[in-house]
N, C-alpha and C. Protein backbone atom coordinates (compact mmCIF):
# COMPACT_ATOMS: atom_id res chain seq x y z
N MET A 1 103.95 130.80 82.25
CA MET A 1 103.89 131.32 83.56
C MET A 1 102.63 132.34 83.61
N LYS A 2 102.38 133.06 82.42
CA LYS A 2 101.38 133.99 82.33
C LYS A 2 99.99 133.49 82.69
N ALA A 3 99.69 132.27 82.25
CA ALA A 3 98.42 131.69 82.60
C ALA A 3 98.31 131.37 84.00
N GLU A 4 99.35 131.11 84.74
CA GLU A 4 99.32 130.74 86.10
C GLU A 4 99.09 132.14 86.85
N VAL A 5 99.65 133.24 86.37
CA VAL A 5 99.49 134.54 86.98
C VAL A 5 98.02 134.89 86.85
N GLU A 6 97.56 134.88 85.61
CA GLU A 6 96.21 135.22 85.43
C GLU A 6 95.21 134.51 86.22
N LYS A 7 95.42 133.21 86.44
CA LYS A 7 94.56 132.41 87.23
C LYS A 7 94.64 132.87 88.74
N ALA A 8 95.84 133.21 89.24
CA ALA A 8 96.12 133.68 90.59
C ALA A 8 95.45 135.03 90.84
N ILE A 9 95.49 135.95 89.77
CA ILE A 9 94.99 137.23 89.88
C ILE A 9 93.43 137.03 89.98
N LYS A 10 92.86 136.21 89.10
CA LYS A 10 91.41 136.08 89.29
C LYS A 10 90.91 135.58 90.60
N ALA A 11 91.71 134.86 91.36
CA ALA A 11 91.49 134.41 92.66
C ALA A 11 91.42 135.58 93.70
N ILE A 12 92.26 136.60 93.51
CA ILE A 12 92.17 137.72 94.43
C ILE A 12 91.37 138.90 94.06
N GLN A 13 90.79 138.90 92.84
CA GLN A 13 90.03 140.07 92.34
C GLN A 13 88.82 140.15 93.28
N PRO A 14 88.07 139.18 93.72
CA PRO A 14 86.89 139.39 94.57
C PRO A 14 87.27 140.16 95.85
N SER A 15 88.38 139.99 96.41
CA SER A 15 88.68 140.74 97.66
C SER A 15 88.93 142.30 97.13
N LEU A 16 89.59 142.55 96.05
CA LEU A 16 89.69 143.87 95.64
C LEU A 16 88.35 144.55 95.32
N ARG A 17 87.61 143.67 94.61
CA ARG A 17 86.29 144.30 94.19
C ARG A 17 85.32 144.61 95.41
N ALA A 18 85.57 143.80 96.40
CA ALA A 18 84.80 144.11 97.66
C ALA A 18 85.01 145.47 98.37
N ASP A 19 86.22 146.04 98.00
CA ASP A 19 86.54 147.34 98.45
C ASP A 19 86.38 148.40 97.36
N GLY A 20 85.76 148.03 96.24
CA GLY A 20 85.56 149.04 95.21
C GLY A 20 86.69 149.07 94.17
N GLY A 21 87.65 148.22 94.20
CA GLY A 21 88.84 148.34 93.39
C GLY A 21 88.87 147.11 92.44
N ASP A 22 90.02 147.03 91.72
CA ASP A 22 90.16 145.91 90.69
C ASP A 22 91.57 145.82 90.33
N ILE A 23 91.95 144.77 89.78
CA ILE A 23 93.32 144.63 89.14
C ILE A 23 93.23 143.95 87.85
N GLU A 24 94.17 144.28 87.02
CA GLU A 24 94.31 143.75 85.64
C GLU A 24 95.77 143.47 85.33
N LEU A 25 95.85 142.11 84.78
CA LEU A 25 97.31 141.82 84.43
C LEU A 25 97.50 142.52 83.10
N VAL A 26 98.73 143.06 82.88
CA VAL A 26 99.22 143.80 81.79
C VAL A 26 100.27 142.93 81.09
N ASP A 27 101.30 142.39 81.90
CA ASP A 27 102.22 141.62 81.22
C ASP A 27 103.09 140.82 82.35
N VAL A 28 103.67 139.83 81.90
CA VAL A 28 104.64 138.93 82.78
C VAL A 28 105.86 138.81 81.90
N ASP A 29 106.98 139.19 82.40
CA ASP A 29 108.20 139.11 81.62
C ASP A 29 109.00 137.77 82.01
N GLU A 30 110.05 137.48 81.12
CA GLU A 30 110.77 136.28 81.44
C GLU A 30 111.59 136.31 82.65
N GLU A 31 111.82 137.39 83.29
CA GLU A 31 112.55 137.54 84.55
C GLU A 31 111.55 137.32 85.86
N GLY A 32 110.29 137.20 85.55
CA GLY A 32 109.42 137.04 86.59
C GLY A 32 108.88 138.37 87.21
N ILE A 33 108.90 139.43 86.39
CA ILE A 33 108.20 140.75 86.80
C ILE A 33 106.79 140.82 86.25
N VAL A 34 105.92 140.82 87.16
CA VAL A 34 104.52 140.88 86.75
C VAL A 34 104.07 142.45 86.83
N LYS A 35 103.42 142.91 85.57
CA LYS A 35 103.03 144.18 85.49
C LYS A 35 101.48 144.23 85.58
N VAL A 36 100.87 144.95 86.57
CA VAL A 36 99.46 145.03 86.74
C VAL A 36 98.94 146.43 86.68
N ARG A 37 97.79 146.66 86.38
CA ARG A 37 97.05 147.87 86.44
C ARG A 37 95.92 148.00 87.64
N LEU A 38 96.18 148.74 88.56
CA LEU A 38 95.07 148.94 89.52
C LEU A 38 94.04 149.80 88.94
N LYS A 39 92.84 149.46 89.31
CA LYS A 39 91.60 150.12 88.70
C LYS A 39 90.65 150.50 89.89
N GLY A 40 89.61 151.24 89.66
CA GLY A 40 88.64 151.59 90.56
C GLY A 40 89.18 152.23 91.71
N ALA A 41 88.60 152.00 92.81
CA ALA A 41 89.21 152.56 94.11
C ALA A 41 90.70 152.35 94.47
N CYS A 42 91.20 151.30 93.84
CA CYS A 42 92.74 150.94 94.04
C CYS A 42 93.54 152.03 93.41
N ALA A 43 93.06 152.57 92.18
CA ALA A 43 93.91 153.37 91.41
C ALA A 43 94.36 154.73 92.18
N GLY A 44 93.43 155.27 92.98
CA GLY A 44 93.83 156.40 93.69
C GLY A 44 94.06 156.28 95.26
N CYS A 45 94.07 155.00 95.69
CA CYS A 45 94.14 154.79 97.13
C CYS A 45 95.51 154.91 97.59
N PRO A 46 95.72 155.60 98.75
CA PRO A 46 97.03 155.70 99.43
C PRO A 46 97.55 154.45 99.84
N MET A 47 96.68 153.51 100.06
CA MET A 47 97.25 152.14 100.58
C MET A 47 97.47 151.13 99.48
N ALA A 48 97.39 151.63 98.26
CA ALA A 48 97.52 150.74 97.04
C ALA A 48 99.04 150.12 96.90
N LYS A 49 99.96 150.92 97.24
CA LYS A 49 101.42 150.39 97.21
C LYS A 49 101.45 149.21 98.36
N MET A 50 100.90 149.49 99.49
CA MET A 50 100.99 148.33 100.54
C MET A 50 100.15 147.15 100.05
N THR A 51 99.02 147.38 99.57
CA THR A 51 98.26 146.19 98.94
C THR A 51 98.82 145.45 97.89
N LEU A 52 99.61 146.24 97.00
CA LEU A 52 100.33 145.51 95.82
C LEU A 52 101.42 144.72 96.45
N GLU A 53 102.19 145.24 97.34
CA GLU A 53 103.54 144.58 97.98
C GLU A 53 103.10 143.47 98.84
N MET A 54 102.31 143.83 99.79
CA MET A 54 101.97 143.00 100.95
C MET A 54 100.90 141.92 100.65
N GLY A 55 99.99 142.28 99.71
CA GLY A 55 98.90 141.36 99.38
C GLY A 55 99.14 140.70 98.12
N VAL A 56 99.14 141.31 96.98
CA VAL A 56 99.17 140.80 95.58
C VAL A 56 100.54 140.13 95.46
N GLU A 57 101.62 140.85 95.74
CA GLU A 57 102.95 140.35 95.42
C GLU A 57 103.18 139.14 96.31
N ARG A 58 102.92 139.15 97.52
CA ARG A 58 103.14 138.06 98.43
C ARG A 58 102.29 136.82 97.92
N TYR A 59 101.09 137.14 97.65
CA TYR A 59 100.20 135.95 97.27
C TYR A 59 100.72 135.33 95.99
N LEU A 60 101.09 136.20 94.92
CA LEU A 60 101.64 135.58 93.77
C LEU A 60 102.86 134.71 93.91
N LYS A 61 103.81 135.27 94.76
CA LYS A 61 104.95 134.58 95.02
C LYS A 61 104.85 133.26 95.67
N SER A 62 103.83 133.20 96.60
CA SER A 62 103.49 131.94 97.32
C SER A 62 102.90 130.90 96.35
N LYS A 63 102.16 131.35 95.27
CA LYS A 63 101.59 130.46 94.40
C LYS A 63 102.39 130.10 93.21
N ILE A 64 103.32 131.05 92.85
CA ILE A 64 104.15 130.93 91.55
C ILE A 64 105.58 131.39 91.90
N PRO A 65 106.45 130.41 92.37
CA PRO A 65 107.83 130.85 92.95
C PRO A 65 108.65 131.67 91.65
N GLN A 66 108.28 131.49 90.49
CA GLN A 66 109.09 132.31 89.55
C GLN A 66 108.78 133.74 89.48
N VAL A 67 107.69 134.20 90.19
CA VAL A 67 107.44 135.68 90.24
C VAL A 67 108.45 136.25 91.22
N LYS A 68 109.02 137.28 90.70
CA LYS A 68 110.11 138.03 91.47
C LYS A 68 109.65 139.29 92.11
N LYS A 69 108.75 140.05 91.22
CA LYS A 69 108.41 141.35 91.77
C LYS A 69 107.04 141.68 90.97
N VAL A 70 106.07 142.45 91.62
CA VAL A 70 104.86 142.85 91.06
C VAL A 70 104.87 144.34 91.02
N ILE A 71 104.62 144.99 89.81
CA ILE A 71 104.62 146.52 89.75
C ILE A 71 103.48 146.91 89.18
N ALA A 72 102.96 148.15 89.54
CA ALA A 72 101.78 148.78 88.98
C ALA A 72 102.30 149.65 87.79
N VAL A 73 101.61 149.62 86.66
CA VAL A 73 101.93 150.53 85.51
C VAL A 73 100.74 151.39 85.17
């Protein structure tokens, strides 16, 4: 599943980079918890939590049903 998540994250990186941010995959566990690191403008952005939940998490869940939650570390 980690390879699938990496591929999906690569697909959304251009959108985040366009706003001066970025995302890095840290880990995917057996329970479907995806850990990511927000970088650049995303790291300090007050909208980062919404971007993570409404954007990244929703996208990953739609592409990979085994994903249960996305958290920033």
